[in-house]
Amino acid sequence: MAGALIALGGNVGDVRATFARAIPDLCRAARAKLVARSSDYLTPPWGDLQQPAFVNAGISIETELDPKALLSVLQDVERKFGRDRSAERRWGPRPLDLDLIAYDDIAMQSPELTLPHPRLFERAFVLVPLAEITPDRVVAGRTVRVALAKLSAAGIERLPNMD
């Protein structure tokens, strides 16, 4: 089994309810075990600032799928929950975004997938949830905790647990 880190985000519709349904779907489709799930965080938009705030979270899973097959599952789950990449603008609003952040300690670059995620160390909205569940995980030679310490987490707010 390989250990993968996945970032979740969205700012269209009831994102937290989407996460609650999408995570089990993702695990089922990826034949994966959910190892850990972060809290949900309200985060300012990134890239395209003229849009509503996002909700972000992170999960750690174990899967037997290879990285490209896992990416395909993530994209299938995004589509199931209403994401249409062909109709959206880059970094724009979306109901669900699933990013494969890291897969074991594999480093790869292909047209479809770069691991670890190329902008991981620029994005506090990804690192804050991951630091909650796996602060000592090493990605590209850095722990999540150390990588987060180099960024500002201003404006990122942990949301209360849903009952």
C-alpha atoms as a PDB file:
ATOM      1  CA  MET A   1       0.000   0.000   0.000  1.00  0.00           C
ATOM      2  CA  ALA A   2       1.180   3.480  -0.852  1.00  0.00           C
ATOM      3  CA  GLY A   3       0.535   6.555   1.260  1.00  0.00           C
ATOM      4  CA  ALA A   4      -0.997   9.505  -0.547  1.00  0.00           C
ATOM      5  CA  LEU A   5      -1.864  13.027   0.569  1.00  0.00           C
ATOM      6  CA  ILE A   6      -4.851  14.669  -1.082  1.00  0.00           C
ATOM      7  CA  ALA A   7      -5.971  18.277  -0.750  1.00  0.00           C
ATOM      8  CA  LEU A   8      -9.672  19.079  -1.009  1.00  0.00           C
ATOM      9  CA  GLY A   9     -11.149  22.455  -1.809  1.00  0.00           C
ATOM     10  CA  GLY A  10     -14.228  24.140  -3.132  1.00  0.00           C
ATOM     11  CA  ASN A  11     -16.269  27.327  -2.978  1.00  0.00           C
ATOM     12  CA  VAL A  12     -19.498  26.542  -4.854  1.00  0.00           C
ATOM     13  CA  GLY A  13     -22.490  25.036  -3.075  1.00  0.00           C
ATOM     14  CA  ASP A  14     -22.357  23.275   0.305  1.00  0.00           C
ATOM     15  CA  VAL A  15     -18.681  22.364   0.127  1.00  0.00           C
ATOM     16  CA  ARG A  16     -18.546  20.689   3.534  1.00  0.00           C
ATOM     17  CA  ALA A  17     -21.448  18.391   2.593  1.00  0.00           C
ATOM     18  CA  THR A  18     -19.674  17.683  -0.698  1.00  0.00           C
ATOM     19  CA  PHE A  19     -16.519  16.680   1.202  1.00  0.00           C
ATOM     20  CA  ALA A  20     -18.579  14.409   3.475  1.00  0.00           C
ATOM     21  CA  ARG A  21     -19.916  12.544   0.430  1.00  0.00           C
ATOM     22  CA  ALA A  22     -16.842  12.746  -1.817  1.00  0.00           C
ATOM     23  CA  ILE A  23     -14.291  11.291   0.624  1.00  0.00           C
ATOM     24  CA  PRO A  24     -16.073   7.923   0.997  1.00  0.00           C
ATOM     25  CA  ASP A  25     -16.663   7.833  -2.783  1.00  0.00           C
ATOM     26  CA  LEU A  26     -13.000   8.537  -3.416  1.00  0.00           C
ATOM     27  CA  CYS A  27     -11.881   5.841  -0.964  1.00  0.00           C
ATOM     28  CA  ARG A  28     -14.261   3.304  -2.474  1.00  0.00           C
ATOM     29  CA  ALA A  29     -13.196   4.044  -6.050  1.00  0.00           C
ATOM     30  CA  ALA A  30      -9.489   4.076  -5.149  1.00  0.00           C
ATOM     31  CA  ARG A  31      -9.793   0.940  -3.020  1.00  0.00           C
ATOM     32  CA  ALA A  32      -8.205   3.077  -0.336  1.00  0.00           C
ATOM     33  CA  LYS A  33      -8.170   3.221   3.426  1.00  0.00           C
ATOM     34  CA  LEU A  34      -8.728   6.653   4.958  1.00  0.00           C
ATOM     35  CA  VAL A  35      -5.850   7.110   7.409  1.00  0.00           C
ATOM     36  CA  ALA A  36      -6.619  10.673   8.545  1.00  0.00           C
ATOM     37  CA  ARG A  37      -8.890  13.608   7.704  1.00  0.00           C
ATOM     38  CA  SER A  38      -8.226  17.178   8.736  1.00  0.00           C
ATOM     39  CA  SER A  39     -10.705  19.704   9.961  1.00  0.00           C
ATOM     40  CA  ASP A  40     -12.276  21.970   7.378  1.00  0.00           C
ATOM     41  CA  TYR A  41     -10.754  25.434   6.987  1.00  0.00           C
ATOM     42  CA  LEU A  42     -12.203  28.618   5.565  1.00  0.00           C
ATOM     43  CA  THR A  43      -9.510  30.152   3.363  1.00  0.00           C
ATOM     44  CA  PRO A  44      -9.144  33.259   1.225  1.00  0.00           C
ATOM     45  CA  PRO A  45      -9.175  32.674  -2.534  1.00  0.00           C
ATOM     46  CA  TRP A  46      -5.796  32.132  -4.176  1.00  0.00           C
ATOM     47  CA  GLY A  47      -4.821  33.081  -7.707  1.00  0.00           C
ATOM     48  CA  ASP A  48      -8.149  34.588  -8.771  1.00  0.00           C
ATOM     49  CA  LEU A  49      -9.087  36.827  -5.840  1.00  0.00           C
ATOM     50  CA  GLN A  50     -12.476  37.917  -7.225  1.00  0.00           C
ATOM     51  CA  GLN A  51     -14.496  34.996  -5.873  1.00  0.00           C
ATOM     52  CA  PRO A  52     -15.916  33.641  -2.609  1.00  0.00           C
ATOM     53  CA  ALA A  53     -13.706  32.152   0.092  1.00  0.00           C
ATOM     54  CA  PHE A  54     -12.874  28.457  -0.164  1.00  0.00           C
ATOM     55  CA  VAL A  55     -13.287  25.582   2.205  1.00  0.00           C
ATOM     56  CA  ASN A  56     -10.159  23.399   2.283  1.00  0.00           C
ATOM     57  CA  ALA A  57      -9.218  20.149   3.968  1.00  0.00           C
ATOM     58  CA  GLY A  58      -6.677  17.376   3.622  1.00  0.00           C
ATOM     59  CA  ILE A  59      -6.731  13.606   3.815  1.00  0.00           C
ATOM     60  CA  SER A  60      -4.150  10.886   4.066  1.00  0.00           C
ATOM     61  CA  ILE A  61      -4.996   7.569   2.428  1.00  0.00           C
ATOM     62  CA  GLU A  62      -3.408   4.213   1.725  1.00  0.00           C
ATOM     63  CA  THR A  63      -4.068   2.776  -1.718  1.00  0.00           C
ATOM     64  CA  GLU A  64      -2.820   0.085  -4.064  1.00  0.00           C
ATOM     65  CA  LEU A  65      -3.491   2.265  -7.124  1.00  0.00           C
ATOM     66  CA  ASP A  66      -0.502   3.786  -8.887  1.00  0.00           C
ATOM     67  CA  PRO A  67      -0.305   7.610  -8.963  1.00  0.00           C
ATOM     68  CA  LYS A  68      -1.829   8.063 -12.428  1.00  0.00           C
ATOM     69  CA  ALA A  69      -4.713   5.700 -11.674  1.00  0.00           C
ATOM     70  CA  LEU A  70      -5.331   7.558  -8.407  1.00  0.00           C
ATOM     71  CA  LEU A  71      -5.337  10.880 -10.284  1.00  0.00           C
ATOM     72  CA  SER A  72      -7.948   9.447 -12.661  1.00  0.00           C
ATOM     73  CA  VAL A  73     -10.140   8.481  -9.696  1.00  0.00           C
ATOM     74  CA  LEU A  74      -9.790  11.987  -8.233  1.00  0.00           C
ATOM     75  CA  GLN A  75     -10.879  13.549 -11.516  1.00  0.00           C
ATOM     76  CA  ASP A  76     -13.825  11.137 -11.807  1.00  0.00           C
ATOM     77  CA  VAL A  77     -14.976  12.079  -8.296  1.00  0.00           C
ATOM     78  CA  GLU A  78     -14.635  15.800  -9.128  1.00  0.00           C
ATOM     79  CA  ARG A  79     -16.872  15.315 -12.176  1.00  0.00           C
ATOM     80  CA  LYS A  80     -19.416  13.359 -10.145  1.00  0.00           C
ATOM     81  CA  PHE A  81     -19.750  16.349  -7.814  1.00  0.00           C
ATOM     82  CA  GLY A  82     -20.198  18.876 -10.610  1.00  0.00           C
ATOM     83  CA  ARG A  83     -16.737  20.001 -11.635  1.00  0.00           C
ATOM     84  CA  ASP A  84     -16.326  20.719 -15.334  1.00  0.00           C
ATOM     85  CA  ARG A  85     -12.699  21.670 -15.930  1.00  0.00           C
ATOM     86  CA  SER A  86     -13.421  22.609 -19.564  1.00  0.00           C
ATOM     87  CA  ALA A  87     -15.907  25.307 -18.492  1.00  0.00           C
ATOM     88  CA  GLU A  88     -13.988  26.920 -15.636  1.00  0.00           C
ATOM     89  CA  ARG A  89     -11.293  29.533 -15.422  1.00  0.00           C
ATOM     90  CA  ARG A  90      -7.925  28.773 -13.856  1.00  0.00           C
ATOM     91  CA  TRP A  91      -8.071  29.062 -10.054  1.00  0.00           C
ATOM     92  CA  GLY A  92     -11.723  30.069 -10.354  1.00  0.00           C
ATOM     93  CA  PRO A  93     -14.825  28.922  -8.474  1.00  0.00           C
ATOM     94  CA  ARG A  94     -15.500  25.193  -8.282  1.00  0.00           C
ATOM     95  CA  PRO A  95     -17.671  22.785  -6.298  1.00  0.00           C
ATOM     96  CA  LEU A  96     -14.812  20.333  -5.652  1.00  0.00           C
ATOM     97  CA  ASP A  97     -11.091  20.319  -6.287  1.00  0.00           C
ATOM     98  CA  LEU A  98      -9.059  17.214  -5.447  1.00  0.00           C
ATOM     99  CA  ASP A  99      -5.292  17.542  -5.754  1.00  0.00           C
ATOM    100  CA  LEU A 100      -2.865  14.677  -5.383  1.00  0.00           C
ATOM    101  CA  ILE A 101      -0.188  16.346  -3.268  1.00  0.00           C
ATOM    102  CA  ALA A 102       2.200  13.483  -2.576  1.00  0.00           C
ATOM    103  CA  TYR A 103       2.380   9.752  -3.199  1.00  0.00           C
ATOM    104  CA  ASP A 104       4.868   7.948  -0.943  1.00  0.00           C
ATOM    105  CA  ASP A 105       8.161   9.690  -1.686  1.00  0.00           C
ATOM    106  CA  ILE A 106       7.810   9.503  -5.451  1.00  0.00           C
ATOM    107  CA  ALA A 107       9.027  12.424  -7.532  1.00  0.00           C
ATOM    108  CA  MET A 108       7.684  12.438 -11.077  1.00  0.00           C
ATOM    109  CA  GLN A 109       6.860  14.850 -13.848  1.00  0.00           C
ATOM    110  CA  SER A 110       4.599  14.004 -16.746  1.00  0.00           C
ATOM    111  CA  PRO A 111       2.078  15.982 -18.802  1.00  0.00           C
ATOM    112  CA  GLU A 112      -0.739  14.649 -16.586  1.00  0.00           C
ATOM    113  CA  LEU A 113       0.864  14.644 -13.152  1.00  0.00           C
ATOM    114  CA  THR A 114       3.719  16.206 -11.217  1.00  0.00           C
ATOM    115  CA  LEU A 115       4.631  14.825  -7.805  1.00  0.00           C
ATOM    116  CA  PRO A 116       4.926  16.217  -5.317  1.00  0.00           C
ATOM    117  CA  HIS A 117       2.422  18.900  -6.273  1.00  0.00           C
ATOM    118  CA  PRO A 118       4.466  21.717  -7.842  1.00  0.00           C
ATOM    119  CA  ARG A 119       2.902  24.557  -5.803  1.00  0.00           C
ATOM    120  CA  LEU A 120       2.610  22.742  -2.467  1.00  0.00           C
ATOM    121  CA  PHE A 121       5.202  24.870  -0.700  1.00  0.00           C
ATOM    122  CA  GLU A 122       3.488  28.117  -1.808  1.00  0.00           C
ATOM    123  CA  ARG A 123       0.047  27.262  -0.450  1.00  0.00           C
ATOM    124  CA  ALA A 124      -0.750  27.618   3.241  1.00  0.00           C
ATOM    125  CA  PHE A 125      -4.348  26.581   2.476  1.00  0.00           C
ATOM    126  CA  VAL A 126      -2.972  23.122   1.599  1.00  0.00           C
ATOM    127  CA  LEU A 127      -0.278  22.929   4.269  1.00  0.00           C
ATOM    128  CA  VAL A 128      -2.449  24.022   7.229  1.00  0.00           C
ATOM    129  CA  PRO A 129      -4.849  21.035   6.941  1.00  0.00           C
ATOM    130  CA  LEU A 130      -1.984  18.635   6.211  1.00  0.00           C
ATOM    131  CA  ALA A 131      -0.025  19.930   9.213  1.00  0.00           C
ATOM    132  CA  GLU A 132      -3.008  19.050  11.389  1.00  0.00           C
ATOM    133  CA  ILE A 133      -3.004  15.383  10.333  1.00  0.00           C
ATOM    134  CA  THR A 134       0.580  14.647   9.293  1.00  0.00           C
ATOM    135  CA  PRO A 135       2.979  17.381  10.486  1.00  0.00           C
ATOM    136  CA  ASP A 136       6.066  15.195  10.307  1.00  0.00           C
ATOM    137  CA  ARG A 137       5.425  13.735   6.858  1.00  0.00           C
ATOM    138  CA  VAL A 138       8.429  14.428   4.651  1.00  0.00           C
ATOM    139  CA  VAL A 139       7.641  15.732   1.170  1.00  0.00           C
ATOM    140  CA  ALA A 140      10.521  16.678  -1.132  1.00  0.00           C
ATOM    141  CA  GLY A 141      12.950  16.710   1.779  1.00  0.00           C
ATOM    142  CA  ARG A 142      10.849  18.934   4.068  1.00  0.00           C
ATOM    143  CA  THR A 143       8.351  18.111   6.756  1.00  0.00           C
ATOM    144  CA  VAL A 144       4.895  19.581   6.337  1.00  0.00           C
ATOM    145  CA  ARG A 145       5.380  21.455   9.631  1.00  0.00           C
ATOM    146  CA  VAL A 146       8.653  23.103   8.504  1.00  0.00           C
ATOM    147  CA  ALA A 147       7.204  23.998   5.096  1.00  0.00           C
ATOM    148  CA  LEU A 148       4.169  25.630   6.735  1.00  0.00           C
ATOM    149  CA  ALA A 149       6.370  27.621   9.138  1.00  0.00           C
ATOM    150  CA  LYS A 150       7.806  29.476   6.121  1.00  0.00           C
ATOM    151  CA  LEU A 151       4.374  30.753   5.011  1.00  0.00           C
ATOM    152  CA  SER A 152       1.769  33.115   6.388  1.00  0.00           C
ATOM    153  CA  ALA A 153      -1.474  31.431   7.392  1.00  0.00           C
ATOM    154  CA  ALA A 154      -3.248  34.781   7.739  1.00  0.00           C
ATOM    155  CA  GLY A 155      -6.929  34.586   6.960  1.00  0.00           C
ATOM    156  CA  ILE A 156      -7.140  30.797   7.358  1.00  0.00           C
ATOM    157  CA  GLU A 157      -9.796  29.872   9.904  1.00  0.00           C
ATOM    158  CA  ARG A 158     -10.507  26.397  11.273  1.00  0.00           C
ATOM    159  CA  LEU A 159     -14.223  25.683  11.034  1.00  0.00           C
ATOM    160  CA  PRO A 160     -16.129  23.975  13.836  1.00  0.00           C
ATOM    161  CA  ASN A 161     -16.774  20.264  13.421  1.00  0.00           C
ATOM    162  CA  MET A 162     -20.025  19.338  11.728  1.00  0.00           C
ATOM    163  CA  ASP A 163     -22.385  17.259  13.829  1.00  0.00           C
END
